[in-house]
Amino acid sequence: MTKVDFTFHVALDDGEFIKVDEHLYTTRSTLQREEPKIHMIDPCCLKVLKEFEGQLSQQIVDEWLLLSRALDQSCSFESKWDDQKIIKELISGQQHPVSWYVKNCRAN
């Protein structure tokens, strides 16, 4: 099997995407079929990530997404999480168990 790389150009409004390392997170689902480094993200998640633009790595985004799923699964869906606090902890390199986030990162 031969591997072929494709290059394409796309124009997006600033409010439709965030770039983290070599990955693009966007609310435009049609782009996901075009490139494996393009990921679908909800507008509310995009808004949170935009606050930390330039401070994020792909590892931080991956950890945040996994942690968000873990928090939602271990607690009721009625719980709201302080995503800004969670991302700040991840950016600073803090290592916490999920239980720490449950106790310390509920949104008011």
PDB file of N, CA and C in Angstrom:
ATOM      1  N   MET A   1       0.835  -1.170   0.000  1.00  0.00           N
ATOM      2  CA  MET A   1       0.000   0.000   0.000  1.00  0.00           C
ATOM      3  C   MET A   1       0.884   1.240   0.000  1.00  0.00           C
ATOM      4  N   THR A   2       0.535   2.180  -0.811  1.00  0.00           N
ATOM      5  CA  THR A   2       1.290   3.409  -0.937  1.00  0.00           C
ATOM      6  C   THR A   2       0.650   4.499  -0.094  1.00  0.00           C
ATOM      7  N   LYS A   3       1.474   5.271   0.561  1.00  0.00           N
ATOM      8  CA  LYS A   3       0.980   6.401   1.340  1.00  0.00           C
ATOM      9  C   LYS A   3       1.101   7.657   0.493  1.00  0.00           C
ATOM     10  N   VAL A   4       0.036   8.414   0.416  1.00  0.00           N
ATOM     11  CA  VAL A   4       0.017   9.639  -0.373  1.00  0.00           C
ATOM     12  C   VAL A   4      -0.379  10.788   0.540  1.00  0.00           C
ATOM     13  N   ASP A   5       0.377  11.859   0.512  1.00  0.00           N
ATOM     14  CA  ASP A   5       0.053  13.058   1.278  1.00  0.00           C
ATOM     15  C   ASP A   5      -0.646  14.055   0.366  1.00  0.00           C
ATOM     16  N   PHE A   6      -1.678  14.683   0.888  1.00  0.00           N
ATOM     17  CA  PHE A   6      -2.410  15.698   0.149  1.00  0.00           C
ATOM     18  C   PHE A   6      -2.281  17.026   0.880  1.00  0.00           C
ATOM     19  N   THR A   7      -2.201  18.074   0.137  1.00  0.00           N
ATOM     20  CA  THR A   7      -2.194  19.415   0.695  1.00  0.00           C
ATOM     21  C   THR A   7      -3.403  20.144   0.152  1.00  0.00           C
ATOM     22  N   PHE A   8      -4.103  20.805   1.040  1.00  0.00           N
ATOM     23  CA  PHE A   8      -5.251  21.576   0.585  1.00  0.00           C
ATOM     24  C   PHE A   8      -5.341  22.858   1.396  1.00  0.00           C
ATOM     25  N   HIS A   9      -6.055  23.806   0.882  1.00  0.00           N
ATOM     26  CA  HIS A   9      -6.242  25.098   1.530  1.00  0.00           C
ATOM     27  C   HIS A   9      -7.717  25.271   1.836  1.00  0.00           C
ATOM     28  N   VAL A  10      -7.983  25.828   2.978  1.00  0.00           N
ATOM     29  CA  VAL A  10      -9.353  26.079   3.385  1.00  0.00           C
ATOM     30  C   VAL A  10      -9.386  27.418   4.121  1.00  0.00           C
ATOM     31  N   ALA A  11     -10.427  28.161   3.924  1.00  0.00           N
ATOM     32  CA  ALA A  11     -10.592  29.445   4.599  1.00  0.00           C
ATOM     33  C   ALA A  11     -11.632  29.284   5.702  1.00  0.00           C
ATOM     34  N   LEU A  12     -11.236  29.607   6.927  1.00  0.00           N
ATOM     35  CA  LEU A  12     -12.127  29.527   8.075  1.00  0.00           C
ATOM     36  C   LEU A  12     -12.143  30.869   8.789  1.00  0.00           C
ATOM     37  N   ASP A  13     -13.276  31.217   9.319  1.00  0.00           N
ATOM     38  CA  ASP A  13     -13.358  32.402  10.165  1.00  0.00           C
ATOM     39  C   ASP A  13     -12.632  32.114  11.472  1.00  0.00           C
ATOM     40  N   ASP A  14     -12.098  33.135  12.109  1.00  0.00           N
ATOM     41  CA  ASP A  14     -11.340  32.983  13.350  1.00  0.00           C
ATOM     42  C   ASP A  14     -12.148  32.266  14.437  1.00  0.00           C
ATOM     43  N   GLY A  15     -13.448  32.470  14.462  1.00  0.00           N
ATOM     44  CA  GLY A  15     -14.299  31.858  15.482  1.00  0.00           C
ATOM     45  C   GLY A  15     -14.690  30.423  15.190  1.00  0.00           C
ATOM     46  N   GLU A  16     -14.199  29.832  14.095  1.00  0.00           N
ATOM     47  CA  GLU A  16     -14.563  28.468  13.713  1.00  0.00           C
ATOM     48  C   GLU A  16     -13.490  27.434  14.004  1.00  0.00           C
ATOM     49  N   PHE A  17     -12.316  27.853  14.518  1.00  0.00           N
ATOM     50  CA  PHE A  17     -11.244  26.884  14.696  1.00  0.00           C
ATOM     51  C   PHE A  17     -10.241  27.343  15.740  1.00  0.00           C
ATOM     52  N   ILE A  18      -9.430  26.367  16.175  1.00  0.00           N
ATOM     53  CA  ILE A  18      -8.228  26.642  16.958  1.00  0.00           C
ATOM     54  C   ILE A  18      -7.189  25.629  16.494  1.00  0.00           C
ATOM     55  N   LYS A  19      -5.939  26.057  16.369  1.00  0.00           N
ATOM     56  CA  LYS A  19      -4.860  25.175  15.968  1.00  0.00           C
ATOM     57  C   LYS A  19      -4.014  24.860  17.196  1.00  0.00           C
ATOM     58  N   VAL A  20      -3.783  23.569  17.435  1.00  0.00           N
ATOM     59  CA  VAL A  20      -2.948  23.102  18.532  1.00  0.00           C
ATOM     60  C   VAL A  20      -1.898  22.186  17.933  1.00  0.00           C
ATOM     61  N   ASP A  21      -0.650  22.574  18.030  1.00  0.00           N
ATOM     62  CA  ASP A  21       0.444  21.855  17.381  1.00  0.00           C
ATOM     63  C   ASP A  21       0.092  21.705  15.900  1.00  0.00           C
ATOM     64  N   GLU A  22       0.057  20.487  15.390  1.00  0.00           N
ATOM     65  CA  GLU A  22      -0.268  20.262  13.975  1.00  0.00           C
ATOM     66  C   GLU A  22      -1.723  19.840  13.772  1.00  0.00           C
ATOM     67  N   HIS A  23      -2.551  20.022  14.778  1.00  0.00           N
ATOM     68  CA  HIS A  23      -3.951  19.606  14.707  1.00  0.00           C
ATOM     69  C   HIS A  23      -4.864  20.819  14.655  1.00  0.00           C
ATOM     70  N   LEU A  24      -5.972  20.666  13.983  1.00  0.00           N
ATOM     71  CA  LEU A  24      -6.956  21.725  13.846  1.00  0.00           C
ATOM     72  C   LEU A  24      -8.265  21.251  14.467  1.00  0.00           C
ATOM     73  N   TYR A  25      -8.806  22.029  15.390  1.00  0.00           N
ATOM     74  CA  TYR A  25     -10.103  21.743  15.990  1.00  0.00           C
ATOM     75  C   TYR A  25     -11.090  22.755  15.422  1.00  0.00           C
ATOM     76  N   THR A  26     -12.195  22.251  14.892  1.00  0.00           N
ATOM     77  CA  THR A  26     -13.139  23.133  14.217  1.00  0.00           C
ATOM     78  C   THR A  26     -14.574  22.678  14.443  1.00  0.00           C
ATOM     79  N   THR A  27     -15.476  23.593  14.224  1.00  0.00           N
ATOM     80  CA  THR A  27     -16.900  23.272  14.297  1.00  0.00           C
ATOM     81  C   THR A  27     -17.435  22.862  12.931  1.00  0.00           C
ATOM     82  N   ARG A  28     -16.606  22.890  11.907  1.00  0.00           N
ATOM     83  CA  ARG A  28     -17.031  22.554  10.541  1.00  0.00           C
ATOM     84  C   ARG A  28     -16.822  21.065  10.271  1.00  0.00           C
ATOM     85  N   SER A  29     -17.885  20.270  10.375  1.00  0.00           N
ATOM     86  CA  SER A  29     -17.790  18.812  10.270  1.00  0.00           C
ATOM     87  C   SER A  29     -17.351  18.340   8.885  1.00  0.00           C
ATOM     88  N   THR A  30     -17.616  19.102   7.855  1.00  0.00           N
ATOM     89  CA  THR A  30     -17.254  18.660   6.505  1.00  0.00           C
ATOM     90  C   THR A  30     -15.747  18.549   6.315  1.00  0.00           C
ATOM     91  N   LEU A  31     -14.961  19.236   7.115  1.00  0.00           N
ATOM     92  CA  LEU A  31     -13.505  19.193   6.970  1.00  0.00           C
ATOM     93  C   LEU A  31     -12.902  17.916   7.521  1.00  0.00           C
ATOM     94  N   GLN A  32     -13.592  17.240   8.423  1.00  0.00           N
ATOM     95  CA  GLN A  32     -13.044  16.049   9.061  1.00  0.00           C
ATOM     96  C   GLN A  32     -12.763  14.941   8.043  1.00  0.00           C
ATOM     97  N   ARG A  33     -13.550  14.879   7.004  1.00  0.00           N
ATOM     98  CA  ARG A  33     -13.337  13.861   5.975  1.00  0.00           C
ATOM     99  C   ARG A  33     -12.080  14.132   5.169  1.00  0.00           C
ATOM    100  N   GLU A  34     -11.615  15.362   5.159  1.00  0.00           N
ATOM    101  CA  GLU A  34     -10.502  15.766   4.305  1.00  0.00           C
ATOM    102  C   GLU A  34      -9.126  15.489   4.902  1.00  0.00           C
ATOM    103  N   GLU A  35      -9.004  15.524   6.207  1.00  0.00           N
ATOM    104  CA  GLU A  35      -7.676  15.485   6.822  1.00  0.00           C
ATOM    105  C   GLU A  35      -7.765  14.868   8.210  1.00  0.00           C
ATOM    106  N   PRO A  36      -6.951  13.861   8.516  1.00  0.00           N
ATOM    107  CA  PRO A  36      -7.031  13.199   9.826  1.00  0.00           C
ATOM    108  C   PRO A  36      -6.593  14.060  11.012  1.00  0.00           C
ATOM    109  N   LYS A  37      -5.917  15.151  10.750  1.00  0.00           N
ATOM    110  CA  LYS A  37      -5.524  16.027  11.848  1.00  0.00           C
ATOM    111  C   LYS A  37      -6.565  17.107  12.114  1.00  0.00           C
ATOM    112  N   ILE A  38      -7.714  16.989  11.492  1.00  0.00           N
ATOM    113  CA  ILE A  38      -8.819  17.902  11.750  1.00  0.00           C
ATOM    114  C   ILE A  38      -9.821  17.167  12.620  1.00  0.00           C
ATOM    115  N   HIS A  39     -10.183  17.766  13.737  1.00  0.00           N
ATOM    116  CA  HIS A  39     -11.061  17.136  14.716  1.00  0.00           C
ATOM    117  C   HIS A  39     -12.324  17.968  14.912  1.00  0.00           C
ATOM    118  N   MET A  40     -13.446  17.284  15.042  1.00  0.00           N
ATOM    119  CA  MET A  40     -14.705  17.979  15.339  1.00  0.00           C
ATOM    120  C   MET A  40     -14.726  18.374  16.812  1.00  0.00           C
ATOM    121  N   ILE A  41     -15.229  19.561  17.075  1.00  0.00           N
ATOM    122  CA  ILE A  41     -15.322  20.041  18.449  1.00  0.00           C
ATOM    123  C   ILE A  41     -16.570  20.901  18.559  1.00  0.00           C
ATOM    124  N   ASP A  42     -17.241  20.820  19.693  1.00  0.00           N
ATOM    125  CA  ASP A  42     -18.433  21.630  19.920  1.00  0.00           C
ATOM    126  C   ASP A  42     -18.048  23.103  20.056  1.00  0.00           C
ATOM    127  N   PRO A  43     -18.952  23.994  19.690  1.00  0.00           N
ATOM    128  CA  PRO A  43     -18.654  25.428  19.825  1.00  0.00           C
ATOM    129  C   PRO A  43     -18.288  25.830  21.258  1.00  0.00           C
ATOM    130  N   CYS A  44     -18.927  25.217  22.275  1.00  0.00           N
ATOM    131  CA  CYS A  44     -18.601  25.581  23.658  1.00  0.00           C
ATOM    132  C   CYS A  44     -17.174  25.158  24.019  1.00  0.00           C
ATOM    133  N   CYS A  45     -16.724  24.011  23.519  1.00  0.00           N
ATOM    134  CA  CYS A  45     -15.349  23.561  23.765  1.00  0.00           C
ATOM    135  C   CYS A  45     -14.353  24.448  23.029  1.00  0.00           C
ATOM    136  N   LEU A  46     -14.689  24.837  21.809  1.00  0.00           N
ATOM    137  CA  LEU A  46     -13.827  25.731  21.039  1.00  0.00           C
ATOM    138  C   LEU A  46     -13.633  27.049  21.780  1.00  0.00           C
ATOM    139  N   LYS A  47     -14.709  27.555  22.357  1.00  0.00           N
ATOM    140  CA  LYS A  47     -14.642  28.816  23.105  1.00  0.00           C
ATOM    141  C   LYS A  47     -13.680  28.696  24.291  1.00  0.00           C
ATOM    142  N   VAL A  48     -13.744  27.579  25.004  1.00  0.00           N
ATOM    143  CA  VAL A  48     -12.847  27.345  26.143  1.00  0.00           C
ATOM    144  C   VAL A  48     -11.398  27.263  25.670  1.00  0.00           C
ATOM    145  N   LEU A  49     -11.145  26.497  24.615  1.00  0.00           N
ATOM    146  CA  LEU A  49      -9.777  26.352  24.124  1.00  0.00           C
ATOM    147  C   LEU A  49      -9.212  27.664  23.593  1.00  0.00           C
ATOM    148  N   LYS A  50     -10.057  28.482  22.990  1.00  0.00           N
ATOM    149  CA  LYS A  50      -9.596  29.776  22.455  1.00  0.00           C
ATOM    150  C   LYS A  50      -9.002  30.653  23.555  1.00  0.00           C
ATOM    151  N   GLU A  51      -9.530  30.518  24.789  1.00  0.00           N
ATOM    152  CA  GLU A  51      -9.012  31.313  25.905  1.00  0.00           C
ATOM    153  C   GLU A  51      -7.542  30.999  26.197  1.00  0.00           C
ATOM    154  N   PHE A  52      -7.102  29.803  25.813  1.00  0.00           N
ATOM    155  CA  PHE A  52      -5.745  29.354  26.120  1.00  0.00           C
ATOM    156  C   PHE A  52      -4.884  29.197  24.863  1.00  0.00           C
ATOM    157  N   GLU A  53      -5.309  29.818  23.785  1.00  0.00           N
ATOM    158  CA  GLU A  53      -4.581  29.709  22.522  1.00  0.00           C
ATOM    159  C   GLU A  53      -3.127  30.129  22.716  1.00  0.00           C
ATOM    160  N   GLY A  54      -2.218  29.345  22.189  1.00  0.00           N
ATOM    161  CA  GLY A  54      -0.793  29.616  22.326  1.00  0.00           C
ATOM    162  C   GLY A  54      -0.168  28.945  23.540  1.00  0.00           C
ATOM    163  N   GLN A  55      -0.986  28.452  24.475  1.00  0.00           N
ATOM    164  CA  GLN A  55      -0.479  27.782  25.670  1.00  0.00           C
ATOM    165  C   GLN A  55      -0.715  26.277  25.623  1.00  0.00           C
ATOM    166  N   LEU A  56      -1.426  25.814  24.601  1.00  0.00           N
ATOM    167  CA  LEU A  56      -1.848  24.421  24.538  1.00  0.00           C
ATOM    168  C   LEU A  56      -0.894  23.565  23.720  1.00  0.00           C
ATOM    169  N   SER A  57      -0.831  22.303  24.095  1.00  0.00           N
ATOM    170  CA  SER A  57      -0.167  21.293  23.282  1.00  0.00           C
ATOM    171  C   SER A  57      -1.217  20.236  22.962  1.00  0.00           C
ATOM    172  N   GLN A  58      -0.916  19.374  22.006  1.00  0.00           N
ATOM    173  CA  GLN A  58      -1.863  18.310  21.670  1.00  0.00           C
ATOM    174  C   GLN A  58      -2.084  17.393  22.869  1.00  0.00           C
ATOM    175  N   GLN A  59      -1.043  17.148  23.645  1.00  0.00           N
ATOM    176  CA  GLN A  59      -1.160  16.296  24.829  1.00  0.00           C
ATOM    177  C   GLN A  59      -2.137  16.906  25.844  1.00  0.00           C
ATOM    178  N   ILE A  60      -2.077  18.209  26.055  1.00  0.00           N
ATOM    179  CA  ILE A  60      -2.987  18.870  27.001  1.00  0.00           C
ATOM    180  C   ILE A  60      -4.424  18.745  26.515  1.00  0.00           C
ATOM    181  N   VAL A  61      -4.654  18.977  25.229  1.00  0.00           N
ATOM    182  CA  VAL A  61      -6.016  18.881  24.687  1.00  0.00           C
ATOM    183  C   VAL A  61      -6.531  17.452  24.822  1.00  0.00           C
ATOM    184  N   ASP A  62      -5.687  16.469  24.495  1.00  0.00           N
ATOM    185  CA  ASP A  62      -6.093  15.065  24.626  1.00  0.00           C
ATOM    186  C   ASP A  62      -6.439  14.729  26.074  1.00  0.00           C
ATOM    187  N   GLU A  63      -5.602  15.175  27.017  1.00  0.00           N
ATOM    188  CA  GLU A  63      -5.859  14.912  28.436  1.00  0.00           C
ATOM    189  C   GLU A  63      -7.151  15.580  28.892  1.00  0.00           C
ATOM    190  N   TRP A  64      -7.393  16.814  28.460  1.00  0.00           N
ATOM    191  CA  TRP A  64      -8.607  17.526  28.830  1.00  0.00           C
ATOM    192  C   TRP A  64      -9.845  16.802  28.305  1.00  0.00           C
ATOM    193  N   LEU A  65      -9.802  16.361  27.057  1.00  0.00           N
ATOM    194  CA  LEU A  65     -10.946  15.655  26.486  1.00  0.00           C
ATOM    195  C   LEU A  65     -11.200  14.335  27.213  1.00  0.00           C
ATOM    196  N   LEU A  66     -10.150  13.592  27.528  1.00  0.00           N
ATOM    197  CA  LEU A  66     -10.307  12.340  28.277  1.00  0.00           C
ATOM    198  C   LEU A  66     -10.819  12.600  29.685  1.00  0.00           C
ATOM    199  N   LEU A  67     -10.279  13.610  30.331  1.00  0.00           N
ATOM    200  CA  LEU A  67     -10.701  13.954  31.683  1.00  0.00           C
ATOM    201  C   LEU A  67     -12.162  14.406  31.704  1.00  0.00           C
ATOM    202  N   SER A  68     -12.562  15.168  30.707  1.00  0.00           N
ATOM    203  CA  SER A  68     -13.967  15.602  30.619  1.00  0.00           C
ATOM    204  C   SER A  68     -14.906  14.403  30.521  1.00  0.00           C
ATOM    205  N   ARG A  69     -14.524  13.426  29.701  1.00  0.00           N
ATOM    206  CA  ARG A  69     -15.344  12.214  29.582  1.00  0.00           C
ATOM    207  C   ARG A  69     -15.380  11.451  30.897  1.00  0.00           C
ATOM    208  N   ALA A  70     -14.237  11.333  31.549  1.00  0.00           N
ATOM    209  CA  ALA A  70     -14.168  10.612  32.820  1.00  0.00           C
ATOM    210  C   ALA A  70     -15.030  11.293  33.883  1.00  0.00           C
ATOM    211  N   LEU A  71     -14.977  12.610  33.947  1.00  0.00           N
ATOM    212  CA  LEU A  71     -15.789  13.344  34.921  1.00  0.00           C
ATOM    213  C   LEU A  71     -17.270  13.159  34.638  1.00  0.00           C
ATOM    214  N   ASP A  72     -17.654  13.227  33.375  1.00  0.00           N
ATOM    215  CA  ASP A  72     -19.062  13.047  33.021  1.00  0.00           C
ATOM    216  C   ASP A  72     -19.538  11.632  33.336  1.00  0.00           C
ATOM    217  N   GLN A  73     -18.669  10.642  33.166  1.00  0.00           N
ATOM    218  CA  GLN A  73     -19.060   9.258  33.422  1.00  0.00           C
ATOM    219  C   GLN A  73     -19.072   8.923  34.909  1.00  0.00           C
ATOM    220  N   SER A  74     -18.212   9.542  35.691  1.00  0.00           N
ATOM    221  CA  SER A  74     -18.129   9.215  37.107  1.00  0.00           C
ATOM    222  C   SER A  74     -19.089  10.020  37.960  1.00  0.00           C
ATOM    223  N   CYS A  75     -19.662  11.060  37.390  1.00  0.00           N
ATOM    224  CA  CYS A  75     -20.596  11.913  38.122  1.00  0.00           C
ATOM    225  C   CYS A  75     -21.870  12.058  37.298  1.00  0.00           C
ATOM    226  N   SER A  76     -22.854  12.669  37.884  1.00  0.00           N
ATOM    227  CA  SER A  76     -24.101  12.864  37.147  1.00  0.00           C
ATOM    228  C   SER A  76     -23.890  13.889  36.034  1.00  0.00           C
ATOM    229  N   PHE A  77     -24.683  13.751  34.979  1.00  0.00           N
ATOM    230  CA  PHE A  77     -24.580  14.688  33.860  1.00  0.00           C
ATOM    231  C   PHE A  77     -25.038  16.092  34.252  1.00  0.00           C
ATOM    232  N   GLU A  78     -25.682  16.223  35.408  1.00  0.00           N
ATOM    233  CA  GLU A  78     -26.108  17.544  35.857  1.00  0.00           C
ATOM    234  C   GLU A  78     -24.934  18.358  36.374  1.00  0.00           C
ATOM    235  N   SER A  79     -23.835  17.677  36.684  1.00  0.00           N
ATOM    236  CA  SER A  79     -22.650  18.383  37.175  1.00  0.00           C
ATOM    237  C   SER A  79     -22.031  19.194  36.045  1.00  0.00           C
ATOM    238  N   LYS A  80     -21.643  20.383  36.361  1.00  0.00           N
ATOM    239  CA  LYS A  80     -20.951  21.256  35.414  1.00  0.00           C
ATOM    240  C   LYS A  80     -19.527  21.434  35.913  1.00  0.00           C
ATOM    241  N   TRP A  81     -18.596  21.469  34.980  1.00  0.00           N
ATOM    242  CA  TRP A  81     -17.182  21.516  35.336  1.00  0.00           C
ATOM    243  C   TRP A  81     -16.563  22.839  34.950  1.00  0.00           C
ATOM    244  N   ASP A  82     -15.622  23.291  35.748  1.00  0.00           N
ATOM    245  CA  ASP A  82     -14.877  24.520  35.480  1.00  0.00           C
ATOM    246  C   ASP A  82     -13.730  24.161  34.531  1.00  0.00           C
ATOM    247  N   ASP A  83     -14.020  24.170  33.236  1.00  0.00           N
ATOM    248  CA  ASP A  83     -13.027  23.763  32.240  1.00  0.00           C
ATOM    249  C   ASP A  83     -11.795  24.647  32.261  1.00  0.00           C
ATOM    250  N   GLN A  84     -11.966  25.929  32.558  1.00  0.00           N
ATOM    251  CA  GLN A  84     -10.813  26.826  32.617  1.00  0.00           C
ATOM    252  C   GLN A  84      -9.851  26.375  33.713  1.00  0.00           C
ATOM    253  N   LYS A  85     -10.387  26.013  34.880  1.00  0.00           N
ATOM    254  CA  LYS A  85      -9.528  25.565  35.985  1.00  0.00           C
ATOM    255  C   LYS A  85      -8.837  24.251  35.621  1.00  0.00           C
ATOM    256  N   ILE A  86      -9.571  23.345  34.988  1.00  0.00           N
ATOM    257  CA  ILE A  86      -8.993  22.067  34.582  1.00  0.00           C
ATOM    258  C   ILE A  86      -7.836  22.291  33.610  1.00  0.00           C
ATOM    259  N   ILE A  87      -8.057  23.124  32.607  1.00  0.00           N
ATOM    260  CA  ILE A  87      -7.008  23.365  31.603  1.00  0.00           C
ATOM    261  C   ILE A  87      -5.814  24.077  32.229  1.00  0.00           C
ATOM    262  N   LYS A  88      -6.059  25.016  33.141  1.00  0.00           N
ATOM    263  CA  LYS A  88      -4.941  25.684  33.823  1.00  0.00           C
ATOM    264  C   LYS A  88      -4.086  24.680  34.584  1.00  0.00           C
ATOM    265  N   GLU A  89      -4.725  23.721  35.247  1.00  0.00           N
ATOM    266  CA  GLU A  89      -3.987  22.674  35.961  1.00  0.00           C
ATOM    267  C   GLU A  89      -3.146  21.846  34.992  1.00  0.00           C
ATOM    268  N   LEU A  90      -3.736  21.498  33.852  1.00  0.00           N
ATOM    269  CA  LEU A  90      -3.015  20.711  32.856  1.00  0.00           C
ATOM    270  C   LEU A  90      -1.851  21.493  32.254  1.00  0.00           C
ATOM    271  N   ILE A  91      -2.061  22.774  31.963  1.00  0.00           N
ATOM    272  CA  ILE A  91      -0.995  23.613  31.406  1.00  0.00           C
ATOM    273  C   ILE A  91       0.165  23.729  32.394  1.00  0.00           C
ATOM    274  N   SER A  92      -0.156  23.849  33.685  1.00  0.00           N
ATOM    275  CA  SER A  92       0.909  23.994  34.688  1.00  0.00           C
ATOM    276  C   SER A  92       1.614  22.672  34.989  1.00  0.00           C
ATOM    277  N   GLY A  93       1.111  21.574  34.410  1.00  0.00           N
ATOM    278  CA  GLY A  93       1.760  20.279  34.584  1.00  0.00           C
ATOM    279  C   GLY A  93       1.366  19.545  35.847  1.00  0.00           C
ATOM    280  N   GLN A  94       0.314  20.016  36.503  1.00  0.00           N
ATOM    281  CA  GLN A  94      -0.145  19.354  37.723  1.00  0.00           C
ATOM    282  C   GLN A  94      -0.694  17.972  37.416  1.00  0.00           C
ATOM    283  N   GLN A  95      -0.341  16.997  38.248  1.00  0.00           N
ATOM    284  CA  GLN A  95      -0.826  15.631  38.098  1.00  0.00           C
ATOM    285  C   GLN A  95      -1.821  15.361  39.224  1.00  0.00           C
ATOM    286  N   HIS A  96      -3.087  15.190  38.878  1.00  0.00           N
ATOM    287  CA  HIS A  96      -4.117  14.926  39.866  1.00  0.00           C
ATOM    288  C   HIS A  96      -4.930  13.709  39.443  1.00  0.00           C
ATOM    289  N   PRO A  97      -5.442  12.948  40.411  1.00  0.00           N
ATOM    290  CA  PRO A  97      -6.390  11.892  40.060  1.00  0.00           C
ATOM    291  C   PRO A  97      -7.733  12.512  39.694  1.00  0.00           C
ATOM    292  N   VAL A  98      -8.581  11.752  39.042  1.00  0.00           N
ATOM    293  CA  VAL A  98      -9.907  12.247  38.651  1.00  0.00           C
ATOM    294  C   VAL A  98     -10.668  12.731  39.876  1.00  0.00           C
ATOM    295  N   SER A  99     -10.502  12.050  41.010  1.00  0.00           N
ATOM    296  CA  SER A  99     -11.219  12.441  42.231  1.00  0.00           C
ATOM    297  C   SER A  99     -10.878  13.870  42.660  1.00  0.00           C
ATOM    298  N   TRP A 100      -9.647  14.317  42.413  1.00  0.00           N
ATOM    299  CA  TRP A 100      -9.274  15.689  42.755  1.00  0.00           C
ATOM    300  C   TRP A 100     -10.098  16.676  41.935  1.00  0.00           C
ATOM    301  N   TYR A 101     -10.231  16.392  40.646  1.00  0.00           N
ATOM    302  CA  TYR A 101     -11.015  17.272  39.774  1.00  0.00           C
ATOM    303  C   TYR A 101     -12.481  17.279  40.188  1.00  0.00           C
ATOM    304  N   VAL A 102     -13.008  16.119  40.603  1.00  0.00           N
ATOM    305  CA  VAL A 102     -14.401  16.033  41.065  1.00  0.00           C
ATOM    306  C   VAL A 102     -14.600  16.966  42.258  1.00  0.00           C
ATOM    307  N   LYS A 103     -13.656  16.982  43.187  1.00  0.00           N
ATOM    308  CA  LYS A 103     -13.774  17.797  44.400  1.00  0.00           C
ATOM    309  C   LYS A 103     -13.490  19.276  44.160  1.00  0.00           C
ATOM    310  N   ASN A 104     -12.585  19.575  43.235  1.00  0.00           N
ATOM    311  CA  ASN A 104     -12.080  20.951  43.106  1.00  0.00           C
ATOM    312  C   ASN A 104     -12.489  21.701  41.852  1.00  0.00           C
ATOM    313  N   CYS A 105     -13.146  21.061  40.916  1.00  0.00           N
ATOM    314  CA  CYS A 105     -13.391  21.738  39.632  1.00  0.00           C
ATOM    315  C   CYS A 105     -14.872  21.767  39.238  1.00  0.00           C
ATOM    316  N   ARG A 106     -15.761  21.733  40.193  1.00  0.00           N
ATOM    317  CA  ARG A 106     -17.179  21.911  39.858  1.00  0.00           C
ATOM    318  C   ARG A 106     -17.430  23.384  39.584  1.00  0.00           C
ATOM    319  N   ALA A 107     -18.186  23.653  38.548  1.00  0.00           N
ATOM    320  CA  ALA A 107     -18.518  25.041  38.212  1.00  0.00           C
ATOM    321  C   ALA A 107     -19.544  25.559  39.205  1.00  0.00           C
ATOM    322  N   ASN A 108     -19.440  26.823  39.512  1.00  0.00           N
ATOM    323  CA  ASN A 108     -20.396  27.445  40.459  1.00  0.00           C
ATOM    324  C   ASN A 108     -21.695  27.768  39.805  1.00  0.00           C
TER     325      ASN A 108
END
